Amino acid sequence: QAGGSLRLSCVSSGVTLSMGWFRQAPGKEREGVAAISTS
């Protein structure tokens, strides 16, 4: 419901540098949401 919370997780099979989250809503273009550096 609106006002609620969720926690997404992403497990990687290897070492990476920067990582980020993107999203795509129905009928819309993909957009960047958040990103984080290596450390």
PDB file of all heavy atoms in Angstrom:
ATOM      1  N   GLN A   1       0.833  -1.189   0.000  1.00  0.00           N
ATOM      2  CA  GLN A   1       0.000   0.000   0.000  1.00  0.00           C
ATOM      3  C   GLN A   1       0.873   1.247   0.000  1.00  0.00           C
ATOM      4  O   GLN A   1       2.022   1.219   0.451  1.00  0.00           O
ATOM      5  CB  GLN A   1      -0.906   0.014   1.225  1.00  0.00           C
ATOM      6  CG  GLN A   1      -1.939  -1.094   1.259  1.00  0.00           C
ATOM      7  CD  GLN A   1      -3.036  -0.882   0.253  1.00  0.00           C
ATOM      8  OE1 GLN A   1      -3.513   0.243   0.058  1.00  0.00           O
ATOM      9  NE2 GLN A   1      -3.448  -1.952  -0.404  1.00  0.00           N
ATOM     10  N   ALA A   2       0.342   2.332  -0.509  1.00  0.00           N
ATOM     11  CA  ALA A   2       1.060   3.604  -0.473  1.00  0.00           C
ATOM     12  C   ALA A   2       1.484   3.921   0.957  1.00  0.00           C
ATOM     13  O   ALA A   2       0.716   3.730   1.902  1.00  0.00           O
ATOM     14  CB  ALA A   2       0.183   4.717  -1.027  1.00  0.00           C
ATOM     15  N   GLY A   3       2.713   4.396   1.102  1.00  0.00           N
ATOM     16  CA  GLY A   3       3.260   4.680   2.417  1.00  0.00           C
ATOM     17  C   GLY A   3       4.043   3.538   3.013  1.00  0.00           C
ATOM     18  O   GLY A   3       4.746   3.724   4.016  1.00  0.00           O
ATOM     19  N   GLY A   4       3.965   2.371   2.406  1.00  0.00           N
ATOM     20  CA  GLY A   4       4.670   1.205   2.899  1.00  0.00           C
ATOM     21  C   GLY A   4       6.116   1.169   2.453  1.00  0.00           C
ATOM     22  O   GLY A   4       6.611   2.081   1.789  1.00  0.00           O
ATOM     23  N   SER A   5       6.796   0.078   2.809  1.00  0.00           N
ATOM     24  CA  SER A   5       8.215  -0.078   2.509  1.00  0.00           C
ATOM     25  C   SER A   5       8.512  -1.441   1.915  1.00  0.00           C
ATOM     26  O   SER A   5       7.812  -2.416   2.168  1.00  0.00           O
ATOM     27  CB  SER A   5       9.049   0.088   3.784  1.00  0.00           C
ATOM     28  OG  SER A   5       8.909   1.376   4.350  1.00  0.00           O
ATOM     29  N   LEU A   6       9.564  -1.484   1.125  1.00  0.00           N
ATOM     30  CA  LEU A   6      10.102  -2.721   0.583  1.00  0.00           C
ATOM     31  C   LEU A   6      11.617  -2.615   0.565  1.00  0.00           C
ATOM     32  O   LEU A   6      12.162  -1.517   0.466  1.00  0.00           O
ATOM     33  CB  LEU A   6       9.610  -2.983  -0.840  1.00  0.00           C
ATOM     34  CG  LEU A   6       8.178  -3.467  -1.050  1.00  0.00           C
ATOM     35  CD1 LEU A   6       7.870  -3.490  -2.541  1.00  0.00           C
ATOM     36  CD2 LEU A   6       7.982  -4.846  -0.443  1.00  0.00           C
ATOM     37  N   ARG A   7      12.281  -3.748   0.640  1.00  0.00           N
ATOM     38  CA  ARG A   7      13.730  -3.786   0.511  1.00  0.00           C
ATOM     39  C   ARG A   7      14.104  -4.749  -0.607  1.00  0.00           C
ATOM     40  O   ARG A   7      13.836  -5.947  -0.522  1.00  0.00           O
ATOM     41  CB  ARG A   7      14.396  -4.235   1.811  1.00  0.00           C
ATOM     42  CG  ARG A   7      15.913  -4.046   1.802  1.00  0.00           C
ATOM     43  CD  ARG A   7      16.560  -4.702   2.993  1.00  0.00           C
ATOM     44  NE  ARG A   7      17.919  -4.232   3.199  1.00  0.00           N
ATOM     45  CZ  ARG A   7      18.811  -4.855   3.963  1.00  0.00           C
ATOM     46  NH1 ARG A   7      18.476  -5.960   4.610  1.00  0.00           N
ATOM     47  NH2 ARG A   7      20.028  -4.347   4.103  1.00  0.00           N
ATOM     48  N   LEU A   8      14.717  -4.223  -1.643  1.00  0.00           N
ATOM     49  CA  LEU A   8      15.166  -5.026  -2.758  1.00  0.00           C
ATOM     50  C   LEU A   8      16.604  -5.477  -2.532  1.00  0.00           C
ATOM     51  O   LEU A   8      17.407  -4.743  -1.952  1.00  0.00           O
ATOM     52  CB  LEU A   8      15.089  -4.246  -4.069  1.00  0.00           C
ATOM     53  CG  LEU A   8      13.745  -3.617  -4.435  1.00  0.00           C
ATOM     54  CD1 LEU A   8      13.842  -2.960  -5.803  1.00  0.00           C
ATOM     55  CD2 LEU A   8      12.634  -4.659  -4.404  1.00  0.00           C
ATOM     56  N   SER A   9      16.925  -6.660  -3.008  1.00  0.00           N
ATOM     57  CA  SER A   9      18.276  -7.186  -2.929  1.00  0.00           C
ATOM     58  C   SER A   9      18.731  -7.628  -4.307  1.00  0.00           C
ATOM     59  O   SER A   9      17.919  -8.021  -5.141  1.00  0.00           O
ATOM     60  CB  SER A   9      18.348  -8.381  -1.974  1.00  0.00           C
ATOM     61  OG  SER A   9      18.000  -8.012  -0.661  1.00  0.00           O
ATOM     62  N   CYS A  10      20.021  -7.573  -4.528  1.00  0.00           N
ATOM     63  CA  CYS A  10      20.609  -8.006  -5.784  1.00  0.00           C
ATOM     64  C   CYS A  10      21.906  -8.723  -5.462  1.00  0.00           C
ATOM     65  O   CYS A  10      22.845  -8.104  -4.945  1.00  0.00           O
ATOM     66  CB  CYS A  10      20.864  -6.807  -6.699  1.00  0.00           C
ATOM     67  SG  CYS A  10      21.826  -7.172  -8.184  1.00  0.00           S
ATOM     68  N   VAL A  11      21.964 -10.006  -5.764  1.00  0.00           N
ATOM     69  CA  VAL A  11      23.148 -10.806  -5.494  1.00  0.00           C
ATOM     70  C   VAL A  11      23.967 -10.944  -6.770  1.00  0.00           C
ATOM     71  O   VAL A  11      23.435 -11.323  -7.816  1.00  0.00           O
ATOM     72  CB  VAL A  11      22.770 -12.195  -4.957  1.00  0.00           C
ATOM     73  CG1 VAL A  11      24.023 -13.021  -4.711  1.00  0.00           C
ATOM     74  CG2 VAL A  11      21.972 -12.060  -3.667  1.00  0.00           C
ATOM     75  N   SER A  12      25.244 -10.640  -6.666  1.00  0.00           N
ATOM     76  CA  SER A  12      26.154 -10.713  -7.800  1.00  0.00           C
ATOM     77  C   SER A  12      26.988 -11.982  -7.752  1.00  0.00           C
ATOM     78  O   SER A  12      27.369 -12.449  -6.679  1.00  0.00           O
ATOM     79  CB  SER A  12      27.072  -9.492  -7.809  1.00  0.00           C
ATOM     80  OG  SER A  12      28.078  -9.613  -8.798  1.00  0.00           O
ATOM     81  N   SER A  13      27.305 -12.517  -8.921  1.00  0.00           N
ATOM     82  CA  SER A  13      28.138 -13.713  -8.997  1.00  0.00           C
ATOM     83  C   SER A  13      29.623 -13.394  -8.981  1.00  0.00           C
ATOM     84  O   SER A  13      30.450 -14.299  -8.902  1.00  0.00           O
ATOM     85  CB  SER A  13      27.806 -14.507 -10.261  1.00  0.00           C
ATOM     86  OG  SER A  13      28.171 -13.793 -11.427  1.00  0.00           O
ATOM     87  N   GLY A  14      29.975 -12.104  -9.062  1.00  0.00           N
ATOM     88  CA  GLY A  14      31.362 -11.715  -9.097  1.00  0.00           C
ATOM     89  C   GLY A  14      31.587 -10.320  -8.556  1.00  0.00           C
ATOM     90  O   GLY A  14      30.642  -9.618  -8.190  1.00  0.00           O
ATOM     91  N   VAL A  15      32.832  -9.919  -8.514  1.00  0.00           N
ATOM     92  CA  VAL A  15      33.209  -8.602  -8.019  1.00  0.00           C
ATOM     93  C   VAL A  15      32.882  -7.534  -9.062  1.00  0.00           C
ATOM     94  O   VAL A  15      33.125  -7.720 -10.249  1.00  0.00           O
ATOM     95  CB  VAL A  15      34.704  -8.561  -7.676  1.00  0.00           C
ATOM     96  CG1 VAL A  15      35.119  -7.152  -7.261  1.00  0.00           C
ATOM     97  CG2 VAL A  15      35.022  -9.559  -6.574  1.00  0.00           C
ATOM     98  N   THR A  16      32.321  -6.426  -8.614  1.00  0.00           N
ATOM     99  CA  THR A  16      32.004  -5.312  -9.493  1.00  0.00           C
ATOM    100  C   THR A  16      32.499  -4.008  -8.879  1.00  0.00           C
ATOM    101  O   THR A  16      32.905  -3.966  -7.723  1.00  0.00           O
ATOM    102  CB  THR A  16      30.491  -5.194  -9.737  1.00  0.00           C
ATOM    103  OG1 THR A  16      29.841  -4.818  -8.518  1.00  0.00           O
ATOM    104  CG2 THR A  16      29.912  -6.518 -10.217  1.00  0.00           C
ATOM    105  N   LEU A  17      32.453  -2.948  -9.660  1.00  0.00           N
ATOM    106  CA  LEU A  17      32.740  -1.617  -9.141  1.00  0.00           C
ATOM    107  C   LEU A  17      31.410  -0.951  -8.802  1.00  0.00           C
ATOM    108  O   LEU A  17      30.713  -1.415  -7.906  1.00  0.00           O
ATOM    109  CB  LEU A  17      33.572  -0.827 -10.153  1.00  0.00           C
ATOM    110  CG  LEU A  17      34.960  -1.436 -10.428  1.00  0.00           C
ATOM    111  CD1 LEU A  17      35.734  -0.580 -11.423  1.00  0.00           C
ATOM    112  CD2 LEU A  17      35.764  -1.589  -9.146  1.00  0.00           C
ATOM    113  N   SER A  18      31.038   0.103  -9.510  1.00  0.00           N
ATOM    114  CA  SER A  18      29.773   0.765  -9.213  1.00  0.00           C
ATOM    115  C   SER A  18      28.577  -0.140  -9.501  1.00  0.00           C
ATOM    116  O   SER A  18      28.617  -0.970 -10.414  1.00  0.00           O
ATOM    117  CB  SER A  18      29.639   2.052 -10.026  1.00  0.00           C
ATOM    118  OG  SER A  18      30.660   2.975  -9.704  1.00  0.00           O
ATOM    119  N   MET A  19      27.517   0.042  -8.734  1.00  0.00           N
ATOM    120  CA  MET A  19      26.278  -0.677  -8.964  1.00  0.00           C
ATOM    121  C   MET A  19      25.122   0.311  -8.860  1.00  0.00           C
ATOM    122  O   MET A  19      25.243   1.352  -8.220  1.00  0.00           O
ATOM    123  CB  MET A  19      26.089  -1.809  -7.954  1.00  0.00           C
ATOM    124  CG  MET A  19      27.185  -2.855  -8.000  1.00  0.00           C
ATOM    125  SD  MET A  19      26.866  -4.267  -6.904  1.00  0.00           S
ATOM    126  CE  MET A  19      25.569  -5.114  -7.828  1.00  0.00           C
ATOM    127  N   GLY A  20      24.011  -0.036  -9.476  1.00  0.00           N
ATOM    128  CA  GLY A  20      22.875   0.864  -9.450  1.00  0.00           C
ATOM    129  C   GLY A  20      21.554   0.154  -9.629  1.00  0.00           C
ATOM    130  O   GLY A  20      21.501  -1.038  -9.954  1.00  0.00           O
ATOM    131  N   TRP A  21      20.500   0.912  -9.397  1.00  0.00           N
ATOM    132  CA  TRP A  21      19.133   0.443  -9.607  1.00  0.00           C
ATOM    133  C   TRP A  21      18.452   1.316 -10.650  1.00  0.00           C
ATOM    134  O   TRP A  21      18.558   2.548 -10.597  1.00  0.00           O
ATOM    135  CB  TRP A  21      18.318   0.510  -8.316  1.00  0.00           C
ATOM    136  CG  TRP A  21      18.721  -0.473  -7.267  1.00  0.00           C
ATOM    137  CD1 TRP A  21      19.535  -0.257  -6.204  1.00  0.00           C
ATOM    138  CD2 TRP A  21      18.302  -1.840  -7.185  1.00  0.00           C
ATOM    139  NE1 TRP A  21      19.659  -1.395  -5.451  1.00  0.00           N
ATOM    140  CE2 TRP A  21      18.915  -2.387  -6.034  1.00  0.00           C
ATOM    141  CE3 TRP A  21      17.479  -2.653  -7.957  1.00  0.00           C
ATOM    142  CZ2 TRP A  21      18.717  -3.715  -5.646  1.00  0.00           C
ATOM    143  CZ3 TRP A  21      17.289  -3.969  -7.576  1.00  0.00           C
ATOM    144  CH2 TRP A  21      17.903  -4.479  -6.432  1.00  0.00           C
ATOM    145  N   PHE A  22      17.760   0.672 -11.566  1.00  0.00           N
ATOM    146  CA  PHE A  22      16.964   1.349 -12.568  1.00  0.00           C
ATOM    147  C   PHE A  22      15.551   0.799 -12.514  1.00  0.00           C
ATOM    148  O   PHE A  22      15.317  -0.277 -11.975  1.00  0.00           O
ATOM    149  CB  PHE A  22      17.563   1.135 -13.968  1.00  0.00           C
ATOM    150  CG  PHE A  22      18.885   1.823 -14.161  1.00  0.00           C
ATOM    151  CD1 PHE A  22      20.040   1.306 -13.606  1.00  0.00           C
ATOM    152  CD2 PHE A  22      18.973   3.003 -14.897  1.00  0.00           C
ATOM    153  CE1 PHE A  22      21.260   1.941 -13.771  1.00  0.00           C
ATOM    154  CE2 PHE A  22      20.194   3.645 -15.075  1.00  0.00           C
ATOM    155  CZ  PHE A  22      21.325   3.120 -14.511  1.00  0.00           C
ATOM    156  N   ARG A  23      14.605   1.536 -13.071  1.00  0.00           N
ATOM    157  CA  ARG A  23      13.229   1.046 -13.091  1.00  0.00           C
ATOM    158  C   ARG A  23      12.552   1.437 -14.386  1.00  0.00           C
ATOM    159  O   ARG A  23      12.912   2.425 -15.030  1.00  0.00           O
ATOM    160  CB  ARG A  23      12.436   1.571 -11.893  1.00  0.00           C
ATOM    161  CG  ARG A  23      12.179   3.077 -11.899  1.00  0.00           C
ATOM    162  CD  ARG A  23      11.518   3.499 -10.607  1.00  0.00           C
ATOM    163  NE  ARG A  23      11.216   4.920 -10.584  1.00  0.00           N
ATOM    164  CZ  ARG A  23      10.755   5.575  -9.528  1.00  0.00           C
ATOM    165  NH1 ARG A  23      10.542   4.915  -8.380  1.00  0.00           N
ATOM    166  NH2 ARG A  23      10.505   6.875  -9.600  1.00  0.00           N
ATOM    167  N   GLN A  24      11.547   0.653 -14.738  1.00  0.00           N
ATOM    168  CA  GLN A  24      10.770   0.931 -15.929  1.00  0.00           C
ATOM    169  C   GLN A  24       9.295   0.671 -15.633  1.00  0.00           C
ATOM    170  O   GLN A  24       8.909  -0.451 -15.318  1.00  0.00           O
ATOM    171  CB  GLN A  24      11.226   0.075 -17.109  1.00  0.00           C
ATOM    172  CG  GLN A  24      10.558   0.445 -18.416  1.00  0.00           C
ATOM    173  CD  GLN A  24      11.268  -0.157 -19.615  1.00  0.00           C
ATOM    174  OE1 GLN A  24      12.006  -1.129 -19.492  1.00  0.00           O
ATOM    175  NE2 GLN A  24      11.057   0.432 -20.781  1.00  0.00           N
ATOM    176  N   ALA A  25       8.496   1.719 -15.721  1.00  0.00           N
ATOM    177  CA  ALA A  25       7.056   1.625 -15.512  1.00  0.00           C
ATOM    178  C   ALA A  25       6.372   1.316 -16.841  1.00  0.00           C
ATOM    179  O   ALA A  25       6.933   1.564 -17.915  1.00  0.00           O
ATOM    180  CB  ALA A  25       6.527   2.927 -14.932  1.00  0.00           C
ATOM    181  N   PRO A  26       5.149   0.787 -16.800  1.00  0.00           N
ATOM    182  CA  PRO A  26       4.437   0.458 -18.039  1.00  0.00           C
ATOM    183  C   PRO A  26       4.313   1.659 -18.969  1.00  0.00           C
ATOM    184  O   PRO A  26       3.868   2.729 -18.550  1.00  0.00           O
ATOM    185  CB  PRO A  26       3.062   0.006 -17.537  1.00  0.00           C
ATOM    186  CG  PRO A  26       3.332  -0.523 -16.167  1.00  0.00           C
ATOM    187  CD  PRO A  26       4.380   0.397 -15.611  1.00  0.00           C
ATOM    188  N   GLY A  27       4.724   1.486 -20.208  1.00  0.00           N
ATOM    189  CA  GLY A  27       4.618   2.544 -21.191  1.00  0.00           C
ATOM    190  C   GLY A  27       5.614   3.674 -21.047  1.00  0.00           C
ATOM    191  O   GLY A  27       5.513   4.670 -21.769  1.00  0.00           O
ATOM    192  N   LYS A  28       6.580   3.542 -20.143  1.00  0.00           N
ATOM    193  CA  LYS A  28       7.551   4.599 -19.916  1.00  0.00           C
ATOM    194  C   LYS A  28       8.972   4.108 -20.157  1.00  0.00           C
ATOM    195  O   LYS A  28       9.223   2.903 -20.220  1.00  0.00           O
ATOM    196  CB  LYS A  28       7.420   5.144 -18.496  1.00  0.00           C
ATOM    197  CG  LYS A  28       6.072   5.772 -18.193  1.00  0.00           C
ATOM    198  CD  LYS A  28       6.025   6.329 -16.793  1.00  0.00           C
ATOM    199  CE  LYS A  28       4.679   6.971 -16.505  1.00  0.00           C
ATOM    200  NZ  LYS A  28       4.617   7.509 -15.125  1.00  0.00           N
ATOM    201  N   GLU A  29       9.888   5.048 -20.285  1.00  0.00           N
ATOM    202  CA  GLU A  29      11.284   4.712 -20.502  1.00  0.00           C
ATOM    203  C   GLU A  29      11.962   4.323 -19.196  1.00  0.00           C
ATOM    204  O   GLU A  29      11.539   4.708 -18.106  1.00  0.00           O
ATOM    205  CB  GLU A  29      12.018   5.897 -21.133  1.00  0.00           C
ATOM    206  CG  GLU A  29      11.502   6.300 -22.503  1.00  0.00           C
ATOM    207  CD  GLU A  29      11.713   5.220 -23.534  1.00  0.00           C
ATOM    208  OE1 GLU A  29      12.756   4.542 -23.498  1.00  0.00           O
ATOM    209  OE2 GLU A  29      10.825   5.051 -24.386  1.00  0.00           O
ATOM    210  N   ARG A  30      13.028   3.563 -19.322  1.00  0.00           N
ATOM    211  CA  ARG A  30      13.821   3.186 -18.162  1.00  0.00           C
ATOM    212  C   ARG A  30      14.494   4.411 -17.563  1.00  0.00           C
ATOM    213  O   ARG A  30      14.996   5.275 -18.296  1.00  0.00           O
ATOM    214  CB  ARG A  30      14.873   2.158 -18.584  1.00  0.00           C
ATOM    215  CG  ARG A  30      15.791   1.679 -17.459  1.00  0.00           C
ATOM    216  CD  ARG A  30      16.753   0.631 -17.976  1.00  0.00           C
ATOM    217  NE  ARG A  30      17.547   1.130 -19.090  1.00  0.00           N
ATOM    218  CZ  ARG A  30      18.406   0.391 -19.789  1.00  0.00           C
ATOM    219  NH1 ARG A  30      18.580  -0.887 -19.481  1.00  0.00           N
ATOM    220  NH2 ARG A  30      19.076   0.925 -20.793  1.00  0.00           N
ATOM    221  N   GLU A  31      14.518   4.503 -16.245  1.00  0.00           N
ATOM    222  CA  GLU A  31      15.149   5.630 -15.581  1.00  0.00           C
ATOM    223  C   GLU A  31      16.056   5.152 -14.451  1.00  0.00           C
ATOM    224  O   GLU A  31      15.787   4.141 -13.800  1.00  0.00           O
ATOM    225  CB  GLU A  31      14.108   6.598 -15.027  1.00  0.00           C
ATOM    226  CG  GLU A  31      13.236   6.027 -13.931  1.00  0.00           C
ATOM    227  CD  GLU A  31      12.333   7.057 -13.283  1.00  0.00           C
ATOM    228  OE1 GLU A  31      12.643   8.266 -13.366  1.00  0.00           O
ATOM    229  OE2 GLU A  31      11.315   6.655 -12.684  1.00  0.00           O
ATOM    230  N   GLY A  32      17.114   5.900 -14.211  1.00  0.00           N
ATOM    231  CA  GLY A  32      17.999   5.606 -13.106  1.00  0.00           C
ATOM    232  C   GLY A  32      17.361   5.996 -11.791  1.00  0.00           C
ATOM    233  O   GLY A  32      16.738   7.055 -11.683  1.00  0.00           O
ATOM    234  N   VAL A  33      17.517   5.167 -10.778  1.00  0.00           N
ATOM    235  CA  VAL A  33      16.917   5.391  -9.470  1.00  0.00           C
ATOM    236  C   VAL A  33      17.967   5.731  -8.421  1.00  0.00           C
ATOM    237  O   VAL A  33      17.865   6.733  -7.710  1.00  0.00           O
ATOM    238  CB  VAL A  33      16.108   4.166  -9.013  1.00  0.00           C
ATOM    239  CG1 VAL A  33      15.560   4.369  -7.606  1.00  0.00           C
ATOM    240  CG2 VAL A  33      14.980   3.888 -10.000  1.00  0.00           C
ATOM    241  N   ALA A  34      18.985   4.889  -8.306  1.00  0.00           N
ATOM    242  CA  ALA A  34      20.017   5.084  -7.296  1.00  0.00           C
ATOM    243  C   ALA A  34      21.276   4.350  -7.711  1.00  0.00           C
ATOM    244  O   ALA A  34      21.219   3.356  -8.433  1.00  0.00           O
ATOM    245  CB  ALA A  34      19.542   4.572  -5.930  1.00  0.00           C
ATOM    246  N   ALA A  35      22.422   4.828  -7.241  1.00  0.00           N
ATOM    247  CA  ALA A  35      23.693   4.193  -7.552  1.00  0.00           C
ATOM    248  C   ALA A  35      24.637   4.333  -6.371  1.00  0.00           C
ATOM    249  O   ALA A  35      24.490   5.233  -5.539  1.00  0.00           O
ATOM    250  CB  ALA A  35      24.315   4.812  -8.802  1.00  0.00           C
ATOM    251  N   ILE A  36      25.628   3.442  -6.325  1.00  0.00           N
ATOM    252  CA  ILE A  36      26.579   3.437  -5.218  1.00  0.00           C
ATOM    253  C   ILE A  36      27.951   3.023  -5.728  1.00  0.00           C
ATOM    254  O   ILE A  36      28.075   2.158  -6.592  1.00  0.00           O
ATOM    255  CB  ILE A  36      26.081   2.502  -4.093  1.00  0.00           C
ATOM    256  CG1 ILE A  36      26.942   2.636  -2.841  1.00  0.00           C
ATOM    257  CG2 ILE A  36      26.017   1.058  -4.579  1.00  0.00           C
ATOM    258  CD1 ILE A  36      26.306   1.990  -1.616  1.00  0.00           C
ATOM    259  N   SER A  37      28.983   3.649  -5.194  1.00  0.00           N
ATOM    260  CA  SER A  37      30.343   3.360  -5.609  1.00  0.00           C
ATOM    261  C   SER A  37      30.866   2.093  -4.949  1.00  0.00           C
ATOM    262  O   SER A  37      30.222   1.499  -4.086  1.00  0.00           O
ATOM    263  CB  SER A  37      31.260   4.544  -5.289  1.00  0.00           C
ATOM    264  OG  SER A  37      31.304   4.798  -3.895  1.00  0.00           O
ATOM    265  N   THR A  38      32.049   1.691  -5.344  1.00  0.00           N
ATOM    266  CA  THR A  38      32.616   0.408  -4.927  1.00  0.00           C
ATOM    267  C   THR A  38      32.634   0.192  -3.418  1.00  0.00           C
ATOM    268  O   THR A  38      32.245  -0.875  -2.933  1.00  0.00           O
ATOM    269  CB  THR A  38      34.047   0.274  -5.466  1.00  0.00           C
ATOM    270  OG1 THR A  38      34.062   0.546  -6.865  1.00  0.00           O
ATOM    271  CG2 THR A  38      34.584  -1.131  -5.216  1.00  0.00           C
ATOM    272  N   SER A  39      33.083   1.197  -2.689  1.00  0.00           N
ATOM    273  CA  SER A  39      33.218   1.072  -1.240  1.00  0.00           C
ATOM    274  C   SER A  39      32.140   1.836  -0.471  1.00  0.00           C
ATOM    275  O   SER A  39      32.314   2.137   0.705  1.00  0.00           O
ATOM    276  CB  SER A  39      34.599   1.546  -0.801  1.00  0.00           C
ATOM    277  OG  SER A  39      35.620   0.757  -1.376  1.00  0.00           O
TER     278      SER A  39
END
